[in-house]
Amino acid sequence: MLQTVSPRANPPRLCFIGFGEAGQAFAGGLLEAGIVEISAFDIAGTQERVRKPAERLGVRLTNSLDAALAGADFVFSAVTAADSLDAARQVAPRLVSGQVFVDVNSVSPGRKREAAAAFAAPGAYLDLAIMAPVHPKRHATPCLVAGEAAERFIEIFGGFGMELGPAGPQIGSATIIKMVRSVMVKGLEALTYECFMAARVAGIDPLILDSLGRSYPGLDWPKVVPYNVSRMLQHGVRRAAEMREVALTLRELGIDPAVTEGVVLQQERLGRLPLQAEPEDGLAMLDAVRSALNRQASEPS
């Protein structure tokens, strides 16, 4: 009688190119789930913000791309949107037979297809889209996977607790779902900020909360507002980069990204403020944002 061998019996060796928030979250969760060996390479080198998490998690942080890739079965690219194509092109000629490049970066379908073109071997490139914030679920955050090797990837990493859905064999089929969804998700954050900053300045925020609560009773606006604004403050720069890719995606579809381009500006503006805020701060965080923007405007350019 044939028996199915669990992936845990022979866990794959992983490499992360880029070891920021997403890389650290996935690596930490996968190590706890049974992955044994993970290496990483980051352009930040051995700076404390990369070195300390690697040491804490037990990830082998290397000083060179070649050293990180050596022996890895799957190579996760978790760099910035701007660096994603360059990372793929640097890794592609270094891959050996059997290694798979997993592109988790938030970029347009066209950019992922361009990256995939650098990989000659069939199934050597996978398009993975992370569909929710990586905390608190880390590696179990819902993801979509597209590419020739998608089913094999899902079978292996599903055994380690990853929540993976197939998006088809065509590269770009996963990321386009994320890109189009982000029009709403990141756009709603920016609209929330703009609406309630105006309400706060006008002194009518309680009235706006009440009115929206009546129109959209399913949303807890006193919690939604500070959560959305805090996300912009914490991750606005990265979100702005993603929304540039969303705008590119819309153009690839023949759609004018007029609203999305405004979202880019608001996300980046808040993301560059030297503020730390948590949802528990409530609408008072808008006062801190306004003060910071006023100080910024008064500084000599």
Protein backbone atom coordinates (compact mmCIF):
# COMPACT_ATOMS: atom_id res chain seq x y z
CA MET A 1 0.00 0.00 0.00
CA LEU A 2 1.40 3.38 -1.02
CA GLN A 3 1.82 5.96 1.73
CA THR A 4 2.07 9.72 1.29
CA VAL A 5 5.30 11.10 2.71
CA SER A 6 4.76 14.26 4.73
CA PRO A 7 6.85 17.30 3.71
CA ARG A 8 7.88 17.47 7.36
CA ALA A 9 9.88 14.26 6.93
CA ASN A 10 12.29 16.09 4.63
CA PRO A 11 11.71 19.84 5.07
CA PRO A 12 12.90 22.07 2.24
CA ARG A 13 15.76 24.49 2.80
CA LEU A 14 14.77 28.11 2.31
CA CYS A 15 16.46 31.36 1.39
CA PHE A 16 15.05 34.86 1.81
CA ILE A 17 16.30 37.68 -0.40
CA GLY A 18 15.26 40.72 1.58
CA PHE A 19 14.77 40.24 5.30
CA GLY A 20 12.37 42.96 6.34
CA GLU A 21 8.93 42.65 7.93
CA ALA A 22 7.54 40.06 5.50
CA GLY A 23 10.70 37.96 5.38
CA GLN A 24 11.05 37.92 9.15
CA ALA A 25 7.37 37.08 9.68
CA PHE A 26 7.38 34.19 7.21
CA ALA A 27 10.75 32.84 8.35
CA GLY A 28 9.80 32.91 12.03
CA GLY A 29 6.50 31.16 11.44
CA LEU A 30 7.96 28.51 9.14
CA LEU A 31 10.77 27.69 11.55
CA GLU A 32 8.22 27.13 14.31
CA ALA A 33 6.18 25.00 11.89
CA GLY A 34 9.02 22.59 11.17
CA ILE A 35 11.34 24.17 8.61
CA VAL A 36 14.88 23.54 9.83
CA GLU A 37 17.23 25.63 7.69
CA ILE A 38 16.78 29.21 6.45
CA SER A 39 19.40 31.57 5.05
CA ALA A 40 18.93 35.24 4.20
CA PHE A 41 20.59 38.05 2.30
CA ASP A 42 19.63 41.71 2.62
CA ILE A 43 21.21 44.81 1.10
CA ALA A 44 21.25 46.23 4.64
CA GLY A 45 24.00 43.68 5.28
CA THR A 46 24.52 43.01 8.95
CA GLN A 47 22.87 46.21 10.22
CA GLU A 48 21.18 45.75 13.57
CA ARG A 49 17.63 45.93 12.16
CA VAL A 50 18.39 42.82 10.10
CA ARG A 51 21.05 41.09 12.18
CA LYS A 52 19.15 41.02 15.49
CA PRO A 53 15.96 39.42 14.12
CA ALA A 54 18.05 36.87 12.22
CA GLU A 55 19.92 35.92 15.40
CA ARG A 56 16.70 35.74 17.41
CA LEU A 57 15.01 33.49 14.85
CA GLY A 58 18.00 31.31 14.08
CA VAL A 59 18.26 32.42 10.44
CA ARG A 60 21.70 32.28 8.81
CA LEU A 61 22.32 35.85 7.61
CA THR A 62 24.97 35.95 4.88
CA ASN A 63 27.17 38.67 3.44
CA SER A 64 26.69 37.59 -0.16
CA LEU A 65 23.87 36.51 -2.44
CA ASP A 66 25.77 33.39 -3.53
CA ALA A 67 26.23 32.24 0.06
CA ALA A 68 22.53 32.71 0.80
CA LEU A 69 21.44 30.75 -2.28
CA ALA A 70 23.78 27.81 -1.72
CA GLY A 71 21.79 24.68 -0.91
CA ALA A 72 18.36 26.35 -0.85
CA ASP A 73 15.39 24.59 -2.42
CA PHE A 74 13.10 27.63 -2.47
CA VAL A 75 14.26 31.25 -2.74
CA PHE A 76 11.74 33.82 -1.48
CA SER A 77 12.17 37.32 -2.87
CA ALA A 78 10.80 39.80 -0.33
CA VAL A 79 12.49 43.04 -1.33
CA THR A 80 10.88 46.38 -2.22
CA ALA A 81 8.67 46.81 -5.25
CA ALA A 82 11.31 49.04 -6.84
CA ASP A 83 14.02 46.39 -6.36
CA SER A 84 11.99 43.31 -7.30
CA LEU A 85 12.98 43.10 -10.96
CA ASP A 86 16.66 43.67 -10.23
CA ALA A 87 16.57 40.99 -7.51
CA ALA A 88 15.05 38.47 -9.93
CA ARG A 89 17.63 39.24 -12.59
CA GLN A 90 20.48 38.88 -10.12
CA VAL A 91 19.22 35.55 -8.77
CA ALA A 92 18.19 33.93 -12.07
CA PRO A 93 21.67 33.15 -13.46
CA ARG A 94 22.76 31.84 -10.07
CA LEU A 95 19.98 29.27 -9.66
CA VAL A 96 20.85 25.62 -10.09
CA SER A 97 18.55 22.88 -11.34
CA GLY A 98 15.62 22.29 -9.00
CA GLN A 99 15.75 25.62 -7.18
CA VAL A 100 12.54 27.66 -7.30
CA PHE A 101 12.29 31.46 -7.05
CA VAL A 102 9.18 32.62 -5.18
CA ASP A 103 8.39 36.28 -5.91
CA VAL A 104 6.26 37.62 -3.05
CA ASN A 105 6.71 41.28 -3.97
CA SER A 106 3.68 43.53 -4.48
CA VAL A 107 4.16 44.48 -8.13
CA SER A 108 2.10 44.57 -11.31
CA PRO A 109 1.41 41.45 -13.39
CA GLY A 110 3.53 42.90 -16.18
CA ARG A 111 6.49 43.35 -13.86
CA LYS A 112 6.18 39.78 -12.59
CA ARG A 113 6.05 38.45 -16.13
CA GLU A 114 9.14 40.51 -16.92
CA ALA A 115 10.89 39.03 -13.88
CA ALA A 116 9.81 35.50 -14.81
CA ALA A 117 11.35 35.91 -18.26
CA ALA A 118 14.80 35.90 -16.62
CA PHE A 119 14.31 32.27 -15.54
CA ALA A 120 14.91 29.72 -18.28
CA ALA A 121 13.82 26.53 -16.51
CA PRO A 122 10.08 25.71 -16.56
CA GLY A 123 8.58 26.09 -13.09
CA ALA A 124 11.60 27.96 -11.72
CA TYR A 125 9.53 31.11 -11.00
CA LEU A 126 6.41 31.42 -8.87
CA ASP A 127 4.13 34.43 -8.49
CA LEU A 128 2.97 34.61 -4.85
CA ALA A 129 0.62 37.34 -3.62
CA ILE A 130 0.29 38.03 0.11
CA MET A 131 -3.37 38.93 0.60
CA ALA A 132 -3.39 40.36 4.14
CA PRO A 133 -1.02 41.95 6.69
CA VAL A 134 1.67 39.44 7.71
CA HIS A 135 0.96 39.98 11.40
CA PRO A 136 -0.33 38.26 13.43
CA LYS A 137 -0.58 35.13 11.24
CA ARG A 138 2.97 35.35 9.80
CA HIS A 139 3.50 32.37 7.42
CA ALA A 140 -0.20 31.44 7.76
CA THR A 141 -1.29 34.75 6.20
CA PRO A 142 -3.58 33.99 3.23
CA CYS A 143 -1.65 33.91 -0.07
CA LEU A 144 -2.34 33.12 -3.71
CA VAL A 145 0.17 31.27 -5.89
CA ALA A 146 0.50 31.17 -9.68
CA GLY A 147 2.95 29.40 -11.96
CA GLU A 148 3.77 25.99 -13.36
CA ALA A 149 5.02 24.73 -9.99
CA ALA A 150 2.16 26.28 -7.97
CA GLU A 151 0.42 23.00 -7.09
CA ARG A 152 3.68 21.43 -5.88
CA PHE A 153 4.45 24.52 -3.80
CA ILE A 154 0.98 24.44 -2.24
CA GLU A 155 1.32 20.75 -1.44
CA ILE A 156 4.70 21.21 0.25
CA PHE A 157 4.09 24.42 2.18
CA GLY A 158 0.50 23.63 3.05
CA GLY A 159 2.09 20.92 5.17
CA PHE A 160 3.81 23.64 7.17
CA GLY A 161 0.67 25.63 7.85
CA MET A 162 0.74 28.12 5.00
CA GLU A 163 -2.74 29.18 3.82
CA LEU A 164 -2.31 28.97 0.05
CA GLY A 165 -4.78 29.20 -2.80
CA PRO A 166 -4.08 28.36 -6.45
CA ALA A 167 -4.39 31.19 -8.97
CA GLY A 168 -3.52 29.20 -12.09
CA PRO A 169 -0.41 28.40 -14.11
CA GLN A 170 -0.01 31.86 -15.66
CA ILE A 171 2.45 34.25 -14.03
CA GLY A 172 0.60 37.39 -12.96
CA SER A 173 -2.64 35.58 -12.12
CA ALA A 174 -2.00 35.87 -8.39
CA THR A 175 -0.63 39.39 -8.21
CA ILE A 176 -3.41 40.93 -10.32
CA ILE A 177 -5.93 39.88 -7.66
CA LYS A 178 -3.86 41.60 -4.98
CA MET A 179 -3.29 44.71 -7.11
CA VAL A 180 -6.96 45.25 -7.94
CA ARG A 181 -7.97 44.54 -4.34
CA SER A 182 -5.48 47.16 -3.13
CA VAL A 183 -7.35 49.85 -5.05
CA MET A 184 -10.05 49.43 -2.42
CA VAL A 185 -8.01 48.47 0.67
CA LYS A 186 -5.28 51.11 0.50
CA GLY A 187 -7.63 53.58 -1.13
CA LEU A 188 -10.09 53.24 1.75
CA GLU A 189 -7.27 54.00 4.19
CA ALA A 190 -6.46 57.23 2.37
CA LEU A 191 -10.13 58.21 2.09
CA THR A 192 -10.61 57.52 5.79
CA TYR A 193 -7.70 59.80 6.66
CA GLU A 194 -8.81 62.60 4.35
CA CYS A 195 -12.43 62.49 5.48
CA PHE A 196 -11.71 62.43 9.19
CA MET A 197 -8.88 64.93 9.11
CA ALA A 198 -11.35 67.35 7.53
CA ALA A 199 -13.98 66.39 10.11
CA ARG A 200 -11.52 66.86 12.97
CA VAL A 201 -10.37 70.28 11.76
CA ALA A 202 -13.98 71.38 11.27
CA GLY A 203 -14.92 70.08 14.73
CA ILE A 204 -17.60 67.76 13.38
CA ASP A 205 -15.92 64.36 13.77
CA PRO A 206 -18.59 63.07 16.22
CA LEU A 207 -21.28 63.99 13.70
CA ILE A 208 -19.44 62.29 10.83
CA LEU A 209 -18.90 59.17 12.94
CA ASP A 210 -22.62 59.09 13.72
CA SER A 211 -23.65 59.67 10.10
CA LEU A 212 -21.33 57.00 8.69
CA GLY A 213 -22.39 54.63 11.44
CA ARG A 214 -25.98 54.97 10.25
CA SER A 215 -25.06 54.58 6.57
CA TYR A 216 -22.64 51.68 7.11
CA PRO A 217 -23.77 49.99 10.33
CA GLY A 218 -21.53 46.99 9.73
CA LEU A 219 -18.37 49.05 10.28
CA ASP A 220 -17.15 50.13 13.71
CA TRP A 221 -15.96 53.55 12.58
CA PRO A 222 -14.41 54.66 15.91
CA LYS A 223 -12.07 51.67 15.49
CA VAL A 224 -11.76 51.72 11.69
CA VAL A 225 -10.52 55.31 11.54
CA PRO A 226 -7.53 55.07 13.93
CA TYR A 227 -6.63 51.62 12.58
CA ASN A 228 -6.52 52.85 8.97
CA VAL A 229 -4.57 56.00 9.82
CA SER A 230 -2.09 54.08 11.99
CA ARG A 231 -1.44 51.69 9.09
CA MET A 232 -0.60 54.65 6.87
CA LEU A 233 1.77 56.10 9.47
CA GLN A 234 3.51 52.76 9.99
CA HIS A 235 3.62 51.45 6.42
CA GLY A 236 2.76 54.39 4.16
CA VAL A 237 6.06 54.52 2.30
CA ARG A 238 5.87 50.84 1.39
CA ARG A 239 2.16 51.13 0.61
CA ALA A 240 2.88 54.08 -1.69
CA ALA A 241 5.38 51.94 -3.60
CA GLU A 242 2.76 49.20 -3.90
CA MET A 243 0.13 51.67 -5.08
CA ARG A 244 2.47 52.86 -7.83
CA GLU A 245 2.44 49.25 -8.99
CA VAL A 246 -1.35 49.25 -8.68
CA ALA A 247 -1.47 52.34 -10.90
CA LEU A 248 0.77 50.53 -13.40
CA THR A 249 -1.57 47.52 -13.26
CA LEU A 250 -4.57 49.73 -14.01
CA ARG A 251 -2.74 51.26 -16.97
CA GLU A 252 -1.91 47.75 -18.21
CA LEU A 253 -5.69 47.16 -18.14
CA GLY A 254 -6.38 50.42 -19.99
CA ILE A 255 -7.84 52.17 -16.91
CA ASP A 256 -6.88 55.69 -15.81
CA PRO A 257 -5.61 55.40 -12.19
CA ALA A 258 -6.76 58.90 -11.21
CA VAL A 259 -7.87 58.01 -7.67
CA THR A 260 -5.02 55.58 -7.10
CA GLU A 261 -2.42 58.25 -7.90
CA GLY A 262 -3.94 60.43 -5.17
CA VAL A 263 -3.72 57.49 -2.77
CA VAL A 264 0.02 57.22 -3.55
CA LEU A 265 0.51 60.83 -2.42
CA GLN A 266 -1.44 60.46 0.82
CA GLN A 267 0.14 57.13 1.78
CA GLU A 268 3.65 58.46 1.22
CA ARG A 269 2.95 61.77 2.95
CA LEU A 270 1.83 60.06 6.16
CA GLY A 271 4.40 57.29 5.92
CA ARG A 272 7.25 59.80 5.94
CA LEU A 273 6.09 61.56 9.10
CA PRO A 274 8.26 60.86 12.16
CA LEU A 275 5.26 59.62 14.15
CA GLN A 276 4.48 56.40 15.99
CA ALA A 277 0.80 55.70 16.48
CA GLU A 278 -1.34 52.77 17.57
CA PRO A 279 -5.06 52.22 16.95
CA GLU A 280 -5.63 52.65 20.68
CA ASP A 281 -4.71 56.33 20.29
CA GLY A 282 -8.12 56.92 18.71
CA LEU A 283 -8.95 59.98 16.65
CA ALA A 284 -6.49 62.02 18.72
CA MET A 285 -3.76 60.70 16.42
CA LEU A 286 -5.18 63.02 13.75
CA ASP A 287 -4.18 66.00 15.90
CA ALA A 288 -0.61 64.68 16.06
CA VAL A 289 -0.61 64.16 12.29
CA ARG A 290 -1.84 67.70 11.67
CA SER A 291 0.80 69.17 13.99
CA ALA A 292 3.53 67.17 12.27
CA LEU A 293 2.35 68.28 8.83
CA ASN A 294 2.23 71.93 9.96
CA ARG A 295 5.78 71.69 11.34
CA GLN A 296 6.91 70.11 8.11
CA ALA A 297 5.29 72.87 6.06
CA SER A 298 6.97 75.60 8.14
CA GLU A 299 10.46 74.16 7.80
CA PRO A 300 12.71 75.83 5.20
CA SER A 301 13.00 73.70 2.08
